[in-house]
Amino acid sequence: NMVIILWGMEAIKKFENWAAPFLIIVFVGLMAIMVVQAGGLGPVVEEAGTLGWGPDFWKVFPISLMGMIAFWSTLSLNMPDFTRFGRSQRDQTIGQTLGLPTTMTLFPLVGVITTSATVIVFGDAIWDPVTLTGKLDNPIALIIMLVALALATLTTNVAANVVSPSY
């Protein structure tokens, strides 16, 4: 964190610009590996949900809703820090319209599909990417995942905890 911070805001921008596509490629790749090991996408998505609309659903719904509100509140408070250098209001609107819904749909989808595949591959739902990384047999995949996990942590910390206070 400190090295990137000491290089200044332009370094943060460059770091985030190359780290984000790398992380997308790595985590989509991990999903693909898990889906292939599970026997394809069919077996992964065929399993019915276990929660349903009964009382168990309503026990977790308010908590989940509050979690989503808290998550989006943070982003909405920090948005002016990330859009302040846009050339126009139109550029900001296009960027947010294309960027937020796509990434906020893609990453949860990748996580759910990967986790669903782990149920077939390992017999357990593994939500934690660190735990899943520990189960990988291929040393090259293991190294790539460890680098990706470190980068994911670093980019999140820098974007969430450095940019806003800096401005």
N, C-alpha and C. Protein backbone atom coordinates (compact mmCIF):
# COMPACT_ATOMS: atom_id res chain seq x y z
N ASN A 1 0.82 -1.20 0.00
CA ASN A 1 0.00 0.00 0.00
C ASN A 1 0.86 1.26 0.00
N MET A 2 1.84 1.29 0.87
CA MET A 2 2.65 2.50 1.01
C MET A 2 3.45 2.81 -0.26
N VAL A 3 3.96 1.79 -0.91
CA VAL A 3 4.75 2.02 -2.14
C VAL A 3 3.87 2.67 -3.20
N ILE A 4 2.68 2.15 -3.37
CA ILE A 4 1.77 2.71 -4.37
C ILE A 4 1.36 4.12 -3.99
N ILE A 5 1.08 4.34 -2.72
CA ILE A 5 0.68 5.66 -2.25
C ILE A 5 1.80 6.67 -2.47
N LEU A 6 3.03 6.28 -2.17
CA LEU A 6 4.16 7.19 -2.33
C LEU A 6 4.39 7.58 -3.79
N TRP A 7 3.99 6.73 -4.72
CA TRP A 7 4.15 7.05 -6.14
C TRP A 7 3.13 8.06 -6.63
N GLY A 8 2.07 8.29 -5.85
CA GLY A 8 1.10 9.32 -6.19
C GLY A 8 -0.16 8.80 -6.85
N MET A 9 -1.07 9.73 -7.10
CA MET A 9 -2.38 9.39 -7.62
C MET A 9 -2.31 8.82 -9.04
N GLU A 10 -1.40 9.30 -9.84
CA GLU A 10 -1.28 8.76 -11.21
C GLU A 10 -0.85 7.29 -11.18
N ALA A 11 0.01 6.93 -10.23
CA ALA A 11 0.42 5.53 -10.09
C ALA A 11 -0.75 4.66 -9.64
N ILE A 12 -1.59 5.19 -8.78
CA ILE A 12 -2.78 4.45 -8.35
C ILE A 12 -3.67 4.18 -9.55
N LYS A 13 -3.86 5.19 -10.39
CA LYS A 13 -4.69 5.04 -11.59
C LYS A 13 -4.12 3.96 -12.51
N LYS A 14 -2.82 4.01 -12.76
CA LYS A 14 -2.19 3.01 -13.63
C LYS A 14 -2.28 1.61 -13.02
N PHE A 15 -2.03 1.52 -11.72
CA PHE A 15 -2.08 0.23 -11.02
C PHE A 15 -3.48 -0.38 -11.13
N GLU A 16 -4.50 0.41 -10.85
CA GLU A 16 -5.87 -0.07 -10.92
C GLU A 16 -6.25 -0.45 -12.35
N ASN A 17 -5.75 0.30 -13.34
CA ASN A 17 -6.10 0.04 -14.74
C ASN A 17 -5.55 -1.27 -15.26
N TRP A 18 -4.39 -1.72 -14.77
CA TRP A 18 -3.89 -3.03 -15.25
C TRP A 18 -4.28 -4.16 -14.32
N ALA A 19 -4.48 -3.87 -13.03
CA ALA A 19 -4.82 -4.94 -12.10
C ALA A 19 -6.25 -5.44 -12.31
N ALA A 20 -7.19 -4.55 -12.59
CA ALA A 20 -8.59 -4.94 -12.75
C ALA A 20 -8.79 -5.96 -13.87
N PRO A 21 -8.29 -5.72 -15.08
CA PRO A 21 -8.46 -6.74 -16.13
C PRO A 21 -7.75 -8.06 -15.79
N PHE A 22 -6.60 -7.97 -15.16
CA PHE A 22 -5.88 -9.19 -14.75
C PHE A 22 -6.73 -10.01 -13.79
N LEU A 23 -7.34 -9.36 -12.82
CA LEU A 23 -8.18 -10.07 -11.84
C LEU A 23 -9.41 -10.69 -12.50
N ILE A 24 -10.02 -9.97 -13.43
CA ILE A 24 -11.17 -10.53 -14.14
C ILE A 24 -10.77 -11.79 -14.89
N ILE A 25 -9.65 -11.73 -15.59
CA ILE A 25 -9.17 -12.89 -16.36
C ILE A 25 -8.87 -14.07 -15.43
N VAL A 26 -8.21 -13.82 -14.32
CA VAL A 26 -7.84 -14.90 -13.40
C VAL A 26 -9.08 -15.55 -12.78
N PHE A 27 -10.02 -14.75 -12.30
CA PHE A 27 -11.18 -15.33 -11.62
C PHE A 27 -12.16 -15.97 -12.60
N VAL A 28 -12.28 -15.45 -13.81
CA VAL A 28 -13.07 -16.13 -14.84
C VAL A 28 -12.38 -17.44 -15.22
N GLY A 29 -11.05 -17.41 -15.29
CA GLY A 29 -10.29 -18.64 -15.56
C GLY A 29 -10.49 -19.69 -14.49
N LEU A 30 -10.47 -19.27 -13.22
CA LEU A 30 -10.72 -20.21 -12.12
C LEU A 30 -12.12 -20.80 -12.23
N MET A 31 -13.09 -19.96 -12.57
CA MET A 31 -14.45 -20.45 -12.76
C MET A 31 -14.49 -21.50 -13.87
N ALA A 32 -13.82 -21.21 -14.97
CA ALA A 32 -13.80 -22.15 -16.10
C ALA A 32 -13.17 -23.48 -15.70
N ILE A 33 -12.09 -23.43 -14.95
CA ILE A 33 -11.43 -24.66 -14.48
C ILE A 33 -12.37 -25.47 -13.60
N MET A 34 -13.05 -24.81 -12.67
CA MET A 34 -13.97 -25.51 -11.78
C MET A 34 -15.15 -26.09 -12.55
N VAL A 35 -15.68 -25.34 -13.52
CA VAL A 35 -16.82 -25.82 -14.31
C VAL A 35 -16.40 -27.04 -15.13
N VAL A 36 -15.21 -27.00 -15.72
CA VAL A 36 -14.72 -28.16 -16.50
C VAL A 36 -14.55 -29.37 -15.58
N GLN A 37 -13.96 -29.17 -14.41
CA GLN A 37 -13.78 -30.28 -13.48
C GLN A 37 -15.12 -30.82 -12.97
N ALA A 38 -16.15 -29.97 -12.96
CA ALA A 38 -17.48 -30.39 -12.50
C ALA A 38 -18.26 -31.11 -13.59
N GLY A 39 -17.70 -31.15 -14.79
CA GLY A 39 -18.37 -31.84 -15.88
C GLY A 39 -19.20 -30.94 -16.77
N GLY A 40 -18.93 -29.67 -16.73
CA GLY A 40 -19.65 -28.72 -17.58
C GLY A 40 -20.61 -27.85 -16.79
N LEU A 41 -21.17 -26.90 -17.49
CA LEU A 41 -22.06 -25.93 -16.85
C LEU A 41 -23.41 -26.57 -16.49
N GLY A 42 -23.84 -27.56 -17.24
CA GLY A 42 -25.12 -28.23 -16.97
C GLY A 42 -25.24 -28.73 -15.55
N PRO A 43 -24.33 -29.60 -15.09
CA PRO A 43 -24.43 -30.09 -13.71
C PRO A 43 -24.32 -28.98 -12.66
N VAL A 44 -23.63 -27.91 -13.00
CA VAL A 44 -23.44 -26.81 -12.04
C VAL A 44 -24.74 -26.06 -11.80
N VAL A 45 -25.50 -25.81 -12.86
CA VAL A 45 -26.71 -24.99 -12.71
C VAL A 45 -28.00 -25.81 -12.57
N GLU A 46 -27.91 -27.14 -12.69
CA GLU A 46 -29.11 -27.98 -12.57
C GLU A 46 -29.62 -28.08 -11.14
N GLU A 47 -28.74 -28.00 -10.17
CA GLU A 47 -29.12 -28.17 -8.77
C GLU A 47 -30.07 -27.05 -8.34
N ALA A 48 -31.19 -27.44 -7.79
CA ALA A 48 -32.17 -26.46 -7.33
C ALA A 48 -31.69 -25.76 -6.06
N GLY A 49 -32.16 -24.55 -5.86
CA GLY A 49 -31.83 -23.82 -4.64
C GLY A 49 -32.45 -24.49 -3.42
N THR A 50 -31.89 -24.26 -2.28
CA THR A 50 -32.39 -24.89 -1.06
C THR A 50 -33.18 -23.94 -0.17
N LEU A 51 -33.14 -22.66 -0.46
CA LEU A 51 -33.77 -21.68 0.43
C LEU A 51 -35.27 -21.53 0.17
N GLY A 52 -35.68 -21.41 -1.09
CA GLY A 52 -37.09 -21.24 -1.40
C GLY A 52 -37.64 -19.93 -0.87
N TRP A 53 -38.97 -19.80 -0.84
CA TRP A 53 -39.62 -18.58 -0.37
C TRP A 53 -40.19 -18.74 1.02
N GLY A 54 -39.81 -19.79 1.70
CA GLY A 54 -40.36 -20.06 3.03
C GLY A 54 -39.75 -19.20 4.11
N PRO A 55 -39.93 -19.63 5.36
CA PRO A 55 -39.44 -18.86 6.51
C PRO A 55 -37.93 -18.71 6.52
N ASP A 56 -37.20 -19.70 5.98
CA ASP A 56 -35.74 -19.59 5.95
C ASP A 56 -35.29 -18.42 5.09
N PHE A 57 -36.01 -18.20 3.97
CA PHE A 57 -35.69 -17.06 3.09
C PHE A 57 -35.85 -15.75 3.84
N TRP A 58 -36.96 -15.60 4.54
CA TRP A 58 -37.25 -14.34 5.22
C TRP A 58 -36.36 -14.10 6.42
N LYS A 59 -35.70 -15.15 6.91
CA LYS A 59 -34.72 -14.97 8.00
C LYS A 59 -33.47 -14.28 7.49
N VAL A 60 -33.07 -14.56 6.26
CA VAL A 60 -31.82 -13.99 5.74
C VAL A 60 -32.05 -12.78 4.84
N PHE A 61 -33.28 -12.57 4.35
CA PHE A 61 -33.53 -11.48 3.42
C PHE A 61 -33.21 -10.10 4.01
N PRO A 62 -33.72 -9.73 5.20
CA PRO A 62 -33.42 -8.39 5.72
C PRO A 62 -31.92 -8.16 5.94
N ILE A 63 -31.23 -9.17 6.43
CA ILE A 63 -29.79 -9.04 6.66
C ILE A 63 -29.06 -8.86 5.33
N SER A 64 -29.45 -9.65 4.34
CA SER A 64 -28.83 -9.54 3.02
C SER A 64 -29.13 -8.19 2.38
N LEU A 65 -30.34 -7.72 2.52
CA LEU A 65 -30.71 -6.42 1.97
C LEU A 65 -29.89 -5.31 2.61
N MET A 66 -29.73 -5.34 3.91
CA MET A 66 -28.93 -4.32 4.60
C MET A 66 -27.46 -4.39 4.17
N GLY A 67 -26.97 -5.61 3.95
CA GLY A 67 -25.59 -5.76 3.47
C GLY A 67 -25.41 -5.12 2.10
N MET A 68 -26.39 -5.29 1.22
CA MET A 68 -26.31 -4.70 -0.12
C MET A 68 -26.43 -3.18 -0.05
N ILE A 69 -27.31 -2.69 0.80
CA ILE A 69 -27.45 -1.24 0.96
C ILE A 69 -26.14 -0.65 1.48
N ALA A 70 -25.53 -1.30 2.46
CA ALA A 70 -24.26 -0.81 3.00
C ALA A 70 -23.17 -0.82 1.93
N PHE A 71 -23.13 -1.88 1.13
CA PHE A 71 -22.13 -1.99 0.07
C PHE A 71 -22.29 -0.86 -0.94
N TRP A 72 -23.51 -0.65 -1.42
CA TRP A 72 -23.74 0.39 -2.43
C TRP A 72 -23.63 1.79 -1.83
N SER A 73 -23.91 1.95 -0.56
CA SER A 73 -23.77 3.27 0.08
C SER A 73 -22.32 3.72 0.05
N THR A 74 -21.42 2.80 0.33
CA THR A 74 -20.00 3.13 0.29
C THR A 74 -19.60 3.60 -1.10
N LEU A 75 -20.04 2.86 -2.11
CA LEU A 75 -19.70 3.24 -3.48
C LEU A 75 -20.31 4.59 -3.85
N SER A 76 -21.54 4.82 -3.43
CA SER A 76 -22.18 6.09 -3.80
C SER A 76 -21.50 7.27 -3.11
N LEU A 77 -20.99 7.07 -1.92
CA LEU A 77 -20.29 8.15 -1.23
C LEU A 77 -18.92 8.43 -1.87
N ASN A 78 -18.28 7.40 -2.41
CA ASN A 78 -16.96 7.57 -3.01
C ASN A 78 -17.02 7.92 -4.50
N MET A 79 -18.17 7.79 -5.12
CA MET A 79 -18.27 8.00 -6.57
C MET A 79 -17.74 9.36 -7.02
N PRO A 80 -18.03 10.47 -6.33
CA PRO A 80 -17.50 11.75 -6.79
C PRO A 80 -15.96 11.79 -6.83
N ASP A 81 -15.32 11.03 -5.96
CA ASP A 81 -13.86 11.00 -5.96
C ASP A 81 -13.31 10.33 -7.22
N PHE A 82 -14.05 9.38 -7.74
CA PHE A 82 -13.59 8.66 -8.93
C PHE A 82 -14.05 9.32 -10.23
N THR A 83 -15.06 10.15 -10.18
CA THR A 83 -15.59 10.75 -11.41
C THR A 83 -15.25 12.23 -11.55
N ARG A 84 -14.57 12.80 -10.62
CA ARG A 84 -14.34 14.24 -10.62
C ARG A 84 -13.52 14.73 -11.80
N PHE A 85 -12.74 13.86 -12.41
CA PHE A 85 -11.90 14.30 -13.52
C PHE A 85 -12.49 13.91 -14.88
N GLY A 86 -13.75 13.48 -14.88
CA GLY A 86 -14.42 13.18 -16.15
C GLY A 86 -14.53 14.45 -16.99
N ARG A 87 -14.47 14.28 -18.29
CA ARG A 87 -14.52 15.44 -19.18
C ARG A 87 -15.89 16.11 -19.19
N SER A 88 -16.94 15.32 -18.93
CA SER A 88 -18.29 15.88 -18.94
C SER A 88 -19.20 15.01 -18.08
N GLN A 89 -20.38 15.54 -17.81
CA GLN A 89 -21.37 14.77 -17.06
C GLN A 89 -21.77 13.53 -17.86
N ARG A 90 -21.83 13.68 -19.19
CA ARG A 90 -22.18 12.56 -20.07
C ARG A 90 -21.15 11.43 -19.93
N ASP A 91 -19.87 11.77 -19.92
CA ASP A 91 -18.82 10.75 -19.77
C ASP A 91 -18.97 10.01 -18.45
N GLN A 92 -19.27 10.75 -17.39
CA GLN A 92 -19.46 10.13 -16.09
C GLN A 92 -20.67 9.18 -16.10
N THR A 93 -21.74 9.63 -16.72
CA THR A 93 -22.96 8.82 -16.78
C THR A 93 -22.72 7.54 -17.59
N ILE A 94 -22.06 7.67 -18.72
CA ILE A 94 -21.78 6.50 -19.55
C ILE A 94 -20.86 5.53 -18.81
N GLY A 95 -19.82 6.06 -18.18
CA GLY A 95 -18.89 5.22 -17.44
C GLY A 95 -19.55 4.45 -16.32
N GLN A 96 -20.39 5.13 -15.56
CA GLN A 96 -21.07 4.46 -14.46
C GLN A 96 -22.14 3.50 -14.96
N THR A 97 -22.83 3.87 -16.03
CA THR A 97 -23.88 3.00 -16.58
C THR A 97 -23.29 1.72 -17.15
N LEU A 98 -22.15 1.81 -17.79
CA LEU A 98 -21.50 0.63 -18.36
C LEU A 98 -20.68 -0.13 -17.32
N GLY A 99 -20.02 0.59 -16.43
CA GLY A 99 -19.09 -0.04 -15.51
C GLY A 99 -19.70 -0.72 -14.31
N LEU A 100 -20.58 -0.04 -13.63
CA LEU A 100 -21.12 -0.60 -12.39
C LEU A 100 -22.01 -1.82 -12.59
N PRO A 101 -23.05 -1.74 -13.42
CA PRO A 101 -23.92 -2.93 -13.54
C PRO A 101 -23.19 -4.15 -14.10
N THR A 102 -22.28 -3.93 -15.04
CA THR A 102 -21.59 -5.07 -15.64
C THR A 102 -20.68 -5.76 -14.62
N THR A 103 -19.88 -4.99 -13.91
CA THR A 103 -18.97 -5.62 -12.95
C THR A 103 -19.72 -6.14 -11.73
N MET A 104 -20.76 -5.45 -11.31
CA MET A 104 -21.51 -5.89 -10.14
C MET A 104 -22.41 -7.08 -10.46
N THR A 105 -22.56 -7.40 -11.73
CA THR A 105 -23.26 -8.62 -12.14
C THR A 105 -22.24 -9.72 -12.42
N LEU A 106 -21.17 -9.38 -13.10
CA LEU A 106 -20.17 -10.37 -13.50
C LEU A 106 -19.51 -11.04 -12.29
N PHE A 107 -19.02 -10.27 -11.35
CA PHE A 107 -18.28 -10.86 -10.23
C PHE A 107 -19.13 -11.75 -9.34
N PRO A 108 -20.34 -11.34 -8.94
CA PRO A 108 -21.17 -12.28 -8.17
C PRO A 108 -21.53 -13.54 -8.96
N LEU A 109 -21.78 -13.38 -10.26
CA LEU A 109 -22.10 -14.54 -11.09
C LEU A 109 -20.92 -15.51 -11.14
N VAL A 110 -19.72 -14.98 -11.33
CA VAL A 110 -18.52 -15.82 -11.33
C VAL A 110 -18.38 -16.53 -9.98
N GLY A 111 -18.61 -15.80 -8.89
CA GLY A 111 -18.50 -16.40 -7.56
C GLY A 111 -19.51 -17.50 -7.32
N VAL A 112 -20.75 -17.27 -7.73
CA VAL A 112 -21.80 -18.28 -7.51
C VAL A 112 -21.55 -19.51 -8.37
N ILE A 113 -21.19 -19.32 -9.63
CA ILE A 113 -20.93 -20.46 -10.51
C ILE A 113 -19.72 -21.25 -10.02
N THR A 114 -18.67 -20.54 -9.62
CA THR A 114 -17.47 -21.22 -9.11
C THR A 114 -17.81 -22.01 -7.86
N THR A 115 -18.54 -21.41 -6.94
CA THR A 115 -18.92 -22.09 -5.70
C THR A 115 -19.81 -23.29 -5.98
N SER A 116 -20.76 -23.13 -6.90
CA SER A 116 -21.62 -24.25 -7.27
C SER A 116 -20.80 -25.40 -7.85
N ALA A 117 -19.79 -25.07 -8.62
CA ALA A 117 -18.92 -26.11 -9.20
C ALA A 117 -18.11 -26.81 -8.10
N THR A 118 -17.72 -26.08 -7.06
CA THR A 118 -16.94 -26.71 -5.99
C THR A 118 -17.75 -27.74 -5.23
N VAL A 119 -19.07 -27.57 -5.20
CA VAL A 119 -19.92 -28.57 -4.55
C VAL A 119 -19.78 -29.90 -5.28
N ILE A 120 -19.73 -29.86 -6.61
CA ILE A 120 -19.60 -31.07 -7.41
C ILE A 120 -18.17 -31.62 -7.33
N VAL A 121 -17.19 -30.74 -7.44
CA VAL A 121 -15.79 -31.17 -7.49
C VAL A 121 -15.29 -31.65 -6.12
N PHE A 122 -15.58 -30.89 -5.07
CA PHE A 122 -15.03 -31.19 -3.75
C PHE A 122 -16.06 -31.70 -2.75
N GLY A 123 -17.34 -31.65 -3.10
CA GLY A 123 -18.38 -32.12 -2.20
C GLY A 123 -18.80 -31.09 -1.17
N ASP A 124 -18.24 -29.90 -1.23
CA ASP A 124 -18.54 -28.82 -0.30
C ASP A 124 -18.62 -27.51 -1.05
N ALA A 125 -19.49 -26.61 -0.60
CA ALA A 125 -19.54 -25.27 -1.18
C ALA A 125 -18.39 -24.45 -0.60
N ILE A 126 -17.43 -24.11 -1.44
CA ILE A 126 -16.27 -23.33 -0.99
C ILE A 126 -16.42 -21.90 -1.51
N TRP A 127 -16.85 -21.00 -0.62
CA TRP A 127 -17.04 -19.59 -0.97
C TRP A 127 -15.74 -18.80 -0.85
N ASP A 128 -14.86 -19.21 0.02
CA ASP A 128 -13.63 -18.48 0.31
C ASP A 128 -12.59 -18.77 -0.77
N PRO A 129 -12.16 -17.75 -1.55
CA PRO A 129 -11.17 -18.00 -2.60
C PRO A 129 -9.82 -18.48 -2.05
N VAL A 130 -9.50 -18.11 -0.82
CA VAL A 130 -8.24 -18.56 -0.23
C VAL A 130 -8.31 -20.07 0.04
N THR A 131 -9.43 -20.53 0.58
CA THR A 131 -9.62 -21.96 0.82
C THR A 131 -9.61 -22.73 -0.50
N LEU A 132 -10.28 -22.20 -1.50
CA LEU A 132 -10.31 -22.85 -2.80
C LEU A 132 -8.91 -22.89 -3.41
N THR A 133 -8.15 -21.83 -3.27
CA THR A 133 -6.78 -21.80 -3.78
C THR A 133 -5.95 -22.89 -3.13
N GLY A 134 -6.16 -23.13 -1.84
CA GLY A 134 -5.42 -24.18 -1.13
C GLY A 134 -5.73 -25.58 -1.64
N LYS A 135 -6.82 -25.75 -2.35
CA LYS A 135 -7.20 -27.06 -2.87
C LYS A 135 -6.69 -27.30 -4.30
N LEU A 136 -6.07 -26.29 -4.90
CA LEU A 136 -5.57 -26.45 -6.26
C LEU A 136 -4.32 -27.34 -6.28
N ASP A 137 -4.26 -28.22 -7.28
CA ASP A 137 -3.13 -29.14 -7.40
C ASP A 137 -2.00 -28.59 -8.26
N ASN A 138 -2.34 -27.77 -9.23
CA ASN A 138 -1.37 -27.25 -10.18
C ASN A 138 -0.56 -26.11 -9.55
N PRO A 139 0.78 -26.25 -9.45
CA PRO A 139 1.57 -25.19 -8.79
C PRO A 139 1.52 -23.85 -9.54
N ILE A 140 1.41 -23.89 -10.86
CA ILE A 140 1.35 -22.63 -11.62
C ILE A 140 0.02 -21.93 -11.32
N ALA A 141 -1.08 -22.68 -11.31
CA ALA A 141 -2.38 -22.10 -10.97
C ALA A 141 -2.37 -21.57 -9.55
N LEU A 142 -1.71 -22.29 -8.67
CA LEU A 142 -1.61 -21.85 -7.27
C LEU A 142 -0.89 -20.52 -7.16
N ILE A 143 0.21 -20.36 -7.85
CA ILE A 143 0.98 -19.11 -7.82
C ILE A 143 0.16 -17.97 -8.41
N ILE A 144 -0.48 -18.23 -9.56
CA ILE A 144 -1.30 -17.19 -10.19
C ILE A 144 -2.43 -16.75 -9.25
N MET A 145 -3.07 -17.71 -8.60
CA MET A 145 -4.16 -17.38 -7.67
C MET A 145 -3.65 -16.59 -6.47
N LEU A 146 -2.50 -16.97 -5.93
CA LEU A 146 -1.96 -16.23 -4.79
C LEU A 146 -1.63 -14.79 -5.17
N VAL A 147 -1.06 -14.59 -6.35
CA VAL A 147 -0.78 -13.24 -6.84
C VAL A 147 -2.10 -12.48 -7.02
N ALA A 148 -3.10 -13.15 -7.61
CA ALA A 148 -4.40 -12.50 -7.82
C ALA A 148 -5.06 -12.13 -6.50
N LEU A 149 -5.00 -13.00 -5.51
CA LEU A 149 -5.59 -12.68 -4.21
C LEU A 149 -4.89 -11.51 -3.54
N ALA A 150 -3.57 -11.47 -3.65
CA ALA A 150 -2.82 -10.33 -3.09
C ALA A 150 -3.19 -9.04 -3.83
N LEU A 151 -3.28 -9.12 -5.16
CA LEU A 151 -3.65 -7.94 -5.94
C LEU A 151 -5.08 -7.49 -5.63
N ALA A 152 -6.00 -8.44 -5.48
CA ALA A 152 -7.38 -8.08 -5.17
C ALA A 152 -7.45 -7.34 -3.84
N THR A 153 -6.72 -7.82 -2.87
CA THR A 153 -6.69 -7.15 -1.57
C THR A 153 -6.08 -5.76 -1.69
N LEU A 154 -4.97 -5.68 -2.39
CA LEU A 154 -4.26 -4.40 -2.53
C LEU A 154 -5.10 -3.39 -3.31
N THR A 155 -5.69 -3.79 -4.42
CA THR A 155 -6.47 -2.84 -5.20
C THR A 155 -7.70 -2.36 -4.43
N THR A 156 -8.32 -3.26 -3.68
CA THR A 156 -9.48 -2.86 -2.88
C THR A 156 -9.07 -1.88 -1.79
N ASN A 157 -7.98 -2.17 -1.10
CA ASN A 157 -7.51 -1.27 -0.05
C ASN A 157 -7.14 0.10 -0.60
N VAL A 158 -6.44 0.12 -1.72
CA VAL A 158 -6.02 1.40 -2.29
C VAL A 158 -7.23 2.19 -2.77
N ALA A 159 -8.13 1.54 -3.51
CA ALA A 159 -9.29 2.25 -4.05
C ALA A 159 -10.24 2.72 -2.95
N ALA A 160 -10.46 1.88 -1.96
CA ALA A 160 -11.45 2.22 -0.93
C ALA A 160 -10.89 3.11 0.17
N ASN A 161 -9.59 3.00 0.46
CA ASN A 161 -9.05 3.68 1.64
C ASN A 161 -8.04 4.78 1.35
N VAL A 162 -7.65 4.94 0.10
CA VAL A 162 -6.63 5.93 -0.21
C VAL A 162 -7.17 7.06 -1.08
N VAL A 163 -7.95 6.71 -2.09
CA VAL A 163 -8.37 7.72 -3.06
C VAL A 163 -9.20 8.82 -2.41
N SER A 164 -10.27 8.45 -1.70
CA SER A 164 -11.13 9.47 -1.09
C SER A 164 -10.39 10.37 -0.10
N PRO A 165 -9.65 9.81 0.86
CA PRO A 165 -8.93 10.70 1.78
C PRO A 165 -7.88 11.57 1.08
N SER A 166 -7.33 11.08 -0.02
CA SER A 166 -6.33 11.86 -0.74
C SER A 166 -6.94 13.11 -1.34
N TYR A 167 -8.16 12.99 -1.81
CA TYR A 167 -8.81 14.15 -2.41
C TYR A 167 -9.41 15.02 -1.35
